[in-house]
């Protein structure tokens, strides 16, 4: 009896605080009720009902709730983002304030509010390639995406840049160097050694994260500074 009394009280309180009103054709039956007494300061009642509504426009007296519901519906209905290589703006970074560094490739998909980042390591003969897809909130501007890209490699940082809503690392083996050619050398800042300046071809396999994004396969070229890796 105590449980039933608490459940009824909770339902009355919920009804008293509801601001939206709709006109029902018939009183709906309960499909499911869950009562939790875990919190000593209150009782949680979760109830599921199927509502039958009159045909036509149903006014809702809570504009804030209506707007929130619309935003949630848009987010849920957001289509899977297609990240086609031909639509990307590419930026290559291989210098830092200390001199040559590993190569970063940024592919910005402005219309899809997404950035693909590839990193080509320069300390191993295999020249390993890793990749991460970063998704931002729909509507993020190309300018703001550019500021985020800048902050990933530059010492001059922009404040208040947008942050990804999803960062998904590509599986091992998705990206690889398929060919290389030594095109020159560049001295290290201290002058004690030189970097080999390599032109490489990379291949990226298709990858999809269901409901989030699809990255089709593509190939590209890049330049990498590498120490003590000679041609064979």
C-alpha atoms as a PDB file:
ATOM      1  CA  UNK A   1       0.000   0.000   0.000  1.00  0.00           C
ATOM      2  CA  UNK A   2       2.835   2.374   0.758  1.00  0.00           C
ATOM      3  CA  UNK A   3       4.307   1.832  -2.717  1.00  0.00           C
ATOM      4  CA  UNK A   4       0.953   2.494  -4.397  1.00  0.00           C
ATOM      5  CA  UNK A   5       0.463   5.697  -2.384  1.00  0.00           C
ATOM      6  CA  UNK A   6       3.915   6.977  -3.336  1.00  0.00           C
ATOM      7  CA  UNK A   7       3.300   6.158  -6.987  1.00  0.00           C
ATOM      8  CA  UNK A   8      -0.018   8.027  -7.005  1.00  0.00           C
ATOM      9  CA  UNK A   9       1.589  11.045  -5.305  1.00  0.00           C
ATOM     10  CA  UNK A  10       4.391  11.157  -7.850  1.00  0.00           C
ATOM     11  CA  UNK A  11       1.917  10.994 -10.736  1.00  0.00           C
ATOM     12  CA  UNK A  12      -0.117  13.850  -9.251  1.00  0.00           C
ATOM     13  CA  UNK A  13       3.010  15.985  -8.872  1.00  0.00           C
ATOM     14  CA  UNK A  14       4.043  15.301 -12.458  1.00  0.00           C
ATOM     15  CA  UNK A  15       0.573  16.230 -13.700  1.00  0.00           C
ATOM     16  CA  UNK A  16       0.610  19.456 -11.676  1.00  0.00           C
ATOM     17  CA  UNK A  17       3.925  20.627 -13.198  1.00  0.00           C
ATOM     18  CA  UNK A  18       3.187  19.758 -16.840  1.00  0.00           C
ATOM     19  CA  UNK A  19       2.861  22.862 -19.015  1.00  0.00           C
ATOM     20  CA  UNK A  20       1.939  21.355 -22.409  1.00  0.00           C
ATOM     21  CA  UNK A  21      -1.726  20.427 -23.009  1.00  0.00           C
ATOM     22  CA  UNK A  22      -3.219  18.210 -25.711  1.00  0.00           C
ATOM     23  CA  UNK A  23      -6.806  17.018 -26.146  1.00  0.00           C
ATOM     24  CA  UNK A  24      -7.177  13.241 -25.998  1.00  0.00           C
ATOM     25  CA  UNK A  25      -9.857  11.269 -27.800  1.00  0.00           C
ATOM     26  CA  UNK A  26      -9.724   8.440 -25.245  1.00  0.00           C
ATOM     27  CA  UNK A  27      -7.977   7.792 -21.947  1.00  0.00           C
ATOM     28  CA  UNK A  28      -4.910   5.680 -22.820  1.00  0.00           C
ATOM     29  CA  UNK A  29      -4.086   2.468 -21.013  1.00  0.00           C
ATOM     30  CA  UNK A  30      -0.778   2.005 -19.268  1.00  0.00           C
ATOM     31  CA  UNK A  31       1.645  -0.033 -21.347  1.00  0.00           C
ATOM     32  CA  UNK A  32       4.371  -0.130 -18.682  1.00  0.00           C
ATOM     33  CA  UNK A  33       5.034   1.339 -15.219  1.00  0.00           C
ATOM     34  CA  UNK A  34       8.351   1.293 -13.343  1.00  0.00           C
ATOM     35  CA  UNK A  35       8.614   2.645  -9.758  1.00  0.00           C
ATOM     36  CA  UNK A  36      12.001   3.341  -8.164  1.00  0.00           C
ATOM     37  CA  UNK A  37      12.430   3.951  -4.404  1.00  0.00           C
ATOM     38  CA  UNK A  38      16.227   4.142  -4.571  1.00  0.00           C
ATOM     39  CA  UNK A  39      16.313   7.831  -3.642  1.00  0.00           C
ATOM     40  CA  UNK A  40      15.172   8.541  -0.094  1.00  0.00           C
ATOM     41  CA  UNK A  41      14.238  12.114  -1.051  1.00  0.00           C
ATOM     42  CA  UNK A  42      11.749  11.161  -3.736  1.00  0.00           C
ATOM     43  CA  UNK A  43      10.100   8.474  -5.813  1.00  0.00           C
ATOM     44  CA  UNK A  44      10.737   8.051  -9.527  1.00  0.00           C
ATOM     45  CA  UNK A  45       7.801   6.815 -11.593  1.00  0.00           C
ATOM     46  CA  UNK A  46       8.340   5.919 -15.244  1.00  0.00           C
ATOM     47  CA  UNK A  47       5.121   5.299 -17.188  1.00  0.00           C
ATOM     48  CA  UNK A  48       4.532   4.419 -20.824  1.00  0.00           C
ATOM     49  CA  UNK A  49       1.188   5.052 -22.572  1.00  0.00           C
ATOM     50  CA  UNK A  50       0.069   5.070 -26.198  1.00  0.00           C
ATOM     51  CA  UNK A  51      -1.830   8.290 -26.915  1.00  0.00           C
ATOM     52  CA  UNK A  52      -4.645   8.557 -29.466  1.00  0.00           C
ATOM     53  CA  UNK A  53      -4.928  12.170 -30.635  1.00  0.00           C
ATOM     54  CA  UNK A  54      -7.530  14.052 -32.643  1.00  0.00           C
ATOM     55  CA  UNK A  55      -6.772  14.658 -36.262  1.00  0.00           C
ATOM     56  CA  UNK A  56      -5.517  18.140 -37.055  1.00  0.00           C
ATOM     57  CA  UNK A  57      -3.193  20.710 -35.493  1.00  0.00           C
ATOM     58  CA  UNK A  58      -2.680  20.274 -31.749  1.00  0.00           C
ATOM     59  CA  UNK A  59      -1.569  23.473 -29.938  1.00  0.00           C
ATOM     60  CA  UNK A  60       1.255  23.210 -27.403  1.00  0.00           C
ATOM     61  CA  UNK A  61       1.447  25.893 -24.719  1.00  0.00           C
ATOM     62  CA  UNK A  62       5.195  25.557 -24.064  1.00  0.00           C
ATOM     63  CA  UNK A  63       7.271  27.140 -26.909  1.00  0.00           C
ATOM     64  CA  UNK A  64      10.584  26.258 -25.210  1.00  0.00           C
ATOM     65  CA  UNK A  65       9.687  22.589 -25.047  1.00  0.00           C
ATOM     66  CA  UNK A  66       8.524  22.750 -28.659  1.00  0.00           C
ATOM     67  CA  UNK A  67      11.842  24.245 -29.805  1.00  0.00           C
ATOM     68  CA  UNK A  68      13.873  21.678 -27.855  1.00  0.00           C
ATOM     69  CA  UNK A  69      11.843  18.856 -29.368  1.00  0.00           C
ATOM     70  CA  UNK A  70      12.438  20.252 -32.858  1.00  0.00           C
ATOM     71  CA  UNK A  71      16.200  20.440 -32.287  1.00  0.00           C
ATOM     72  CA  UNK A  72      16.264  16.887 -30.983  1.00  0.00           C
ATOM     73  CA  UNK A  73      14.308  15.724 -34.017  1.00  0.00           C
ATOM     74  CA  UNK A  74      16.758  17.459 -36.371  1.00  0.00           C
ATOM     75  CA  UNK A  75      19.740  15.878 -34.609  1.00  0.00           C
ATOM     76  CA  UNK A  76      18.163  12.448 -34.763  1.00  0.00           C
ATOM     77  CA  UNK A  77      17.355  12.905 -38.451  1.00  0.00           C
ATOM     78  CA  UNK A  78      20.833  14.125 -39.408  1.00  0.00           C
ATOM     79  CA  UNK A  79      21.979  12.099 -42.424  1.00  0.00           C
ATOM     80  CA  UNK A  80      25.212  10.142 -42.537  1.00  0.00           C
ATOM     81  CA  UNK A  81      27.957  12.488 -43.723  1.00  0.00           C
ATOM     82  CA  UNK A  82      29.563  11.561 -47.040  1.00  0.00           C
ATOM     83  CA  UNK A  83      33.209  12.673 -46.979  1.00  0.00           C
ATOM     84  CA  UNK A  84      34.190  12.643 -50.646  1.00  0.00           C
ATOM     85  CA  UNK A  85      37.886  13.369 -51.291  1.00  0.00           C
ATOM     86  CA  UNK A  86      37.095  15.698 -54.209  1.00  0.00           C
ATOM     87  CA  UNK A  87      35.132  17.986 -51.865  1.00  0.00           C
ATOM     88  CA  UNK A  88      37.962  18.388 -49.351  1.00  0.00           C
ATOM     89  CA  UNK A  89      40.327  21.315 -48.934  1.00  0.00           C
ATOM     90  CA  UNK A  90      43.798  19.945 -48.212  1.00  0.00           C
ATOM     91  CA  UNK A  91      46.495  21.485 -46.020  1.00  0.00           C
ATOM     92  CA  UNK A  92      49.938  19.929 -45.470  1.00  0.00           C
ATOM     93  CA  UNK A  93      52.088  20.743 -42.434  1.00  0.00           C
ATOM     94  CA  UNK A  94      55.643  19.413 -42.015  1.00  0.00           C
ATOM     95  CA  UNK A  95      57.487  22.250 -40.285  1.00  0.00           C
ATOM     96  CA  UNK A  96      57.333  23.393 -36.672  1.00  0.00           C
ATOM     97  CA  UNK A  97      59.069  26.154 -34.760  1.00  0.00           C
ATOM     98  CA  UNK A  98      61.899  23.664 -34.166  1.00  0.00           C
ATOM     99  CA  UNK A  99      62.273  22.696 -37.816  1.00  0.00           C
ATOM    100  CA  UNK A 100      61.043  19.727 -39.884  1.00  0.00           C
ATOM    101  CA  UNK A 101      58.515  17.439 -38.191  1.00  0.00           C
ATOM    102  CA  UNK A 102      56.290  14.475 -39.060  1.00  0.00           C
ATOM    103  CA  UNK A 103      53.781  15.313 -41.781  1.00  0.00           C
ATOM    104  CA  UNK A 104      50.203  16.283 -40.987  1.00  0.00           C
ATOM    105  CA  UNK A 105      47.541  16.307 -43.700  1.00  0.00           C
ATOM    106  CA  UNK A 106      44.284  18.097 -42.955  1.00  0.00           C
ATOM    107  CA  UNK A 107      41.316  17.465 -45.260  1.00  0.00           C
ATOM    108  CA  UNK A 108      38.521  19.909 -44.438  1.00  0.00           C
ATOM    109  CA  UNK A 109      34.989  19.087 -45.607  1.00  0.00           C
ATOM    110  CA  UNK A 110      33.420  22.489 -44.974  1.00  0.00           C
ATOM    111  CA  UNK A 111      29.903  21.611 -46.153  1.00  0.00           C
ATOM    112  CA  UNK A 112      29.901  18.491 -43.979  1.00  0.00           C
ATOM    113  CA  UNK A 113      31.457  20.178 -40.895  1.00  0.00           C
ATOM    114  CA  UNK A 114      34.174  17.534 -40.771  1.00  0.00           C
ATOM    115  CA  UNK A 115      37.966  17.255 -40.849  1.00  0.00           C
ATOM    116  CA  UNK A 116      40.085  14.201 -41.680  1.00  0.00           C
ATOM    117  CA  UNK A 117      43.591  14.308 -40.189  1.00  0.00           C
ATOM    118  CA  UNK A 118      46.326  12.001 -41.491  1.00  0.00           C
ATOM    119  CA  UNK A 119      49.705  11.763 -39.766  1.00  0.00           C
ATOM    120  CA  UNK A 120      52.729  10.312 -41.571  1.00  0.00           C
ATOM    121  CA  UNK A 121      55.452   9.257 -39.141  1.00  0.00           C
ATOM    122  CA  UNK A 122      59.024  10.166 -40.066  1.00  0.00           C
ATOM    123  CA  UNK A 123      61.053   8.096 -37.586  1.00  0.00           C
ATOM    124  CA  UNK A 124      60.616   4.630 -39.131  1.00  0.00           C
ATOM    125  CA  UNK A 125      61.443   3.263 -42.552  1.00  0.00           C
ATOM    126  CA  UNK A 126      57.864   2.079 -43.058  1.00  0.00           C
ATOM    127  CA  UNK A 127      56.551   5.654 -42.770  1.00  0.00           C
ATOM    128  CA  UNK A 128      53.420   4.648 -40.813  1.00  0.00           C
ATOM    129  CA  UNK A 129      50.188   6.536 -41.567  1.00  0.00           C
ATOM    130  CA  UNK A 130      47.357   7.005 -39.075  1.00  0.00           C
ATOM    131  CA  UNK A 131      44.090   8.849 -39.498  1.00  0.00           C
ATOM    132  CA  UNK A 132      41.236  10.333 -37.477  1.00  0.00           C
ATOM    133  CA  UNK A 133      37.877  11.712 -38.628  1.00  0.00           C
ATOM    134  CA  UNK A 134      36.585  14.660 -36.600  1.00  0.00           C
ATOM    135  CA  UNK A 135      32.913  15.635 -36.873  1.00  0.00           C
ATOM    136  CA  UNK A 136      31.699  19.044 -35.721  1.00  0.00           C
ATOM    137  CA  UNK A 137      28.217  20.361 -35.019  1.00  0.00           C
ATOM    138  CA  UNK A 138      26.235  20.954 -38.237  1.00  0.00           C
ATOM    139  CA  UNK A 139      26.572  24.548 -39.347  1.00  0.00           C
ATOM    140  CA  UNK A 140      30.128  25.008 -38.059  1.00  0.00           C
ATOM    141  CA  UNK A 141      31.664  27.544 -40.442  1.00  0.00           C
ATOM    142  CA  UNK A 142      34.675  26.936 -42.674  1.00  0.00           C
ATOM    143  CA  UNK A 143      36.442  29.769 -40.822  1.00  0.00           C
ATOM    144  CA  UNK A 144      35.954  28.071 -37.453  1.00  0.00           C
ATOM    145  CA  UNK A 145      37.108  24.737 -38.876  1.00  0.00           C
ATOM    146  CA  UNK A 146      40.226  26.519 -40.133  1.00  0.00           C
ATOM    147  CA  UNK A 147      40.894  27.907 -36.657  1.00  0.00           C
ATOM    148  CA  UNK A 148      40.587  24.406 -35.164  1.00  0.00           C
ATOM    149  CA  UNK A 149      43.037  23.065 -37.771  1.00  0.00           C
ATOM    150  CA  UNK A 150      45.480  25.872 -36.957  1.00  0.00           C
ATOM    151  CA  UNK A 151      45.395  24.997 -33.251  1.00  0.00           C
ATOM    152  CA  UNK A 152      46.379  21.389 -33.987  1.00  0.00           C
ATOM    153  CA  UNK A 153      49.836  22.347 -35.262  1.00  0.00           C
ATOM    154  CA  UNK A 154      50.614  26.036 -34.688  1.00  0.00           C
ATOM    155  CA  UNK A 155      52.113  27.832 -31.709  1.00  0.00           C
ATOM    156  CA  UNK A 156      49.816  30.794 -32.403  1.00  0.00           C
ATOM    157  CA  UNK A 157      46.463  29.641 -31.041  1.00  0.00           C
ATOM    158  CA  UNK A 158      42.943  30.965 -31.622  1.00  0.00           C
ATOM    159  CA  UNK A 159      40.690  31.219 -28.545  1.00  0.00           C
ATOM    160  CA  UNK A 160      37.196  29.771 -28.343  1.00  0.00           C
ATOM    161  CA  UNK A 161      37.436  27.381 -31.293  1.00  0.00           C
ATOM    162  CA  UNK A 162      34.744  24.730 -31.809  1.00  0.00           C
ATOM    163  CA  UNK A 163      35.499  21.209 -30.613  1.00  0.00           C
ATOM    164  CA  UNK A 164      34.541  17.986 -32.395  1.00  0.00           C
ATOM    165  CA  UNK A 165      31.345  16.242 -31.348  1.00  0.00           C
ATOM    166  CA  UNK A 166      32.946  12.982 -32.521  1.00  0.00           C
ATOM    167  CA  UNK A 167      36.571  11.940 -33.114  1.00  0.00           C
ATOM    168  CA  UNK A 168      36.874   8.509 -34.697  1.00  0.00           C
ATOM    169  CA  UNK A 169      40.288   6.914 -35.241  1.00  0.00           C
ATOM    170  CA  UNK A 170      40.550   4.932 -38.457  1.00  0.00           C
ATOM    171  CA  UNK A 171      41.334   1.224 -37.954  1.00  0.00           C
ATOM    172  CA  UNK A 172      44.955   0.081 -38.258  1.00  0.00           C
ATOM    173  CA  UNK A 173      45.841  -0.676 -41.864  1.00  0.00           C
ATOM    174  CA  UNK A 174      43.327   1.789 -43.327  1.00  0.00           C
ATOM    175  CA  UNK A 175      46.089   4.189 -44.448  1.00  0.00           C
ATOM    176  CA  UNK A 176      49.491   3.330 -45.928  1.00  0.00           C
ATOM    177  CA  UNK A 177      52.379   4.689 -47.974  1.00  0.00           C
ATOM    178  CA  UNK A 178      52.435   2.823 -51.306  1.00  0.00           C
ATOM    179  CA  UNK A 179      55.406   4.509 -53.031  1.00  0.00           C
ATOM    180  CA  UNK A 180      58.202   6.932 -52.227  1.00  0.00           C
ATOM    181  CA  UNK A 181      60.853   8.979 -53.987  1.00  0.00           C
ATOM    182  CA  UNK A 182      63.797  10.901 -52.500  1.00  0.00           C
ATOM    183  CA  UNK A 183      63.698  14.407 -53.978  1.00  0.00           C
ATOM    184  CA  UNK A 184      66.283  16.275 -51.872  1.00  0.00           C
ATOM    185  CA  UNK A 185      67.706  16.963 -48.421  1.00  0.00           C
ATOM    186  CA  UNK A 186      67.318  19.633 -45.779  1.00  0.00           C
ATOM    187  CA  UNK A 187      69.672  20.332 -42.888  1.00  0.00           C
ATOM    188  CA  UNK A 188      68.471  20.040 -39.326  1.00  0.00           C
ATOM    189  CA  UNK A 189      68.434  23.346 -37.411  1.00  0.00           C
ATOM    190  CA  UNK A 190      71.583  22.381 -35.484  1.00  0.00           C
ATOM    191  CA  UNK A 191      73.380  21.511 -38.748  1.00  0.00           C
ATOM    192  CA  UNK A 192      74.583  18.145 -37.417  1.00  0.00           C
ATOM    193  CA  UNK A 193      72.434  16.007 -39.701  1.00  0.00           C
ATOM    194  CA  UNK A 194      70.116  16.257 -42.658  1.00  0.00           C
ATOM    195  CA  UNK A 195      66.571  15.199 -43.388  1.00  0.00           C
ATOM    196  CA  UNK A 196      65.748  13.280 -46.509  1.00  0.00           C
ATOM    197  CA  UNK A 197      62.954  15.058 -48.364  1.00  0.00           C
ATOM    198  CA  UNK A 198      60.638  12.363 -49.672  1.00  0.00           C
ATOM    199  CA  UNK A 199      57.681  12.514 -52.021  1.00  0.00           C
ATOM    200  CA  UNK A 200      55.252   9.730 -51.139  1.00  0.00           C
ATOM    201  CA  UNK A 201      52.006   8.289 -52.409  1.00  0.00           C
ATOM    202  CA  UNK A 202      49.401   7.274 -49.854  1.00  0.00           C
ATOM    203  CA  UNK A 203      46.300   5.099 -50.106  1.00  0.00           C
ATOM    204  CA  UNK A 204      43.293   5.307 -47.787  1.00  0.00           C
ATOM    205  CA  UNK A 205      40.768   2.484 -47.691  1.00  0.00           C
ATOM    206  CA  UNK A 206      37.055   3.155 -47.408  1.00  0.00           C
ATOM    207  CA  UNK A 207      35.688   3.314 -43.886  1.00  0.00           C
ATOM    208  CA  UNK A 208      32.175   3.815 -42.579  1.00  0.00           C
ATOM    209  CA  UNK A 209      30.763   4.447 -39.135  1.00  0.00           C
ATOM    210  CA  UNK A 210      27.081   3.669 -39.522  1.00  0.00           C
ATOM    211  CA  UNK A 211      24.843   6.682 -39.060  1.00  0.00           C
ATOM    212  CA  UNK A 212      27.817   9.018 -38.598  1.00  0.00           C
ATOM    213  CA  UNK A 213      30.021   9.212 -41.697  1.00  0.00           C
ATOM    214  CA  UNK A 214      31.265   7.388 -44.781  1.00  0.00           C
ATOM    215  CA  UNK A 215      34.813   7.964 -46.039  1.00  0.00           C
ATOM    216  CA  UNK A 216      35.271   6.524 -49.549  1.00  0.00           C
ATOM    217  CA  UNK A 217      38.669   5.144 -50.576  1.00  0.00           C
ATOM    218  CA  UNK A 218      41.096   7.613 -52.133  1.00  0.00           C
ATOM    219  CA  UNK A 219      44.757   8.145 -52.996  1.00  0.00           C
ATOM    220  CA  UNK A 220      46.918  11.228 -52.615  1.00  0.00           C
ATOM    221  CA  UNK A 221      50.496  12.515 -52.537  1.00  0.00           C
ATOM    222  CA  UNK A 222      52.438  14.162 -49.726  1.00  0.00           C
ATOM    223  CA  UNK A 223      55.947  15.190 -48.693  1.00  0.00           C
ATOM    224  CA  UNK A 224      57.794  13.850 -45.657  1.00  0.00           C
ATOM    225  CA  UNK A 225      61.089  14.800 -44.006  1.00  0.00           C
ATOM    226  CA  UNK A 226      62.866  11.673 -42.758  1.00  0.00           C
ATOM    227  CA  UNK A 227      66.218  11.194 -41.014  1.00  0.00           C
ATOM    228  CA  UNK A 228      68.673   8.500 -42.188  1.00  0.00           C
ATOM    229  CA  UNK A 229      66.425   6.566 -44.532  1.00  0.00           C
ATOM    230  CA  UNK A 230      68.299   6.027 -47.775  1.00  0.00           C
ATOM    231  CA  UNK A 231      67.024   4.902 -51.187  1.00  0.00           C
ATOM    232  CA  UNK A 232      67.511   1.213 -52.072  1.00  0.00           C
END
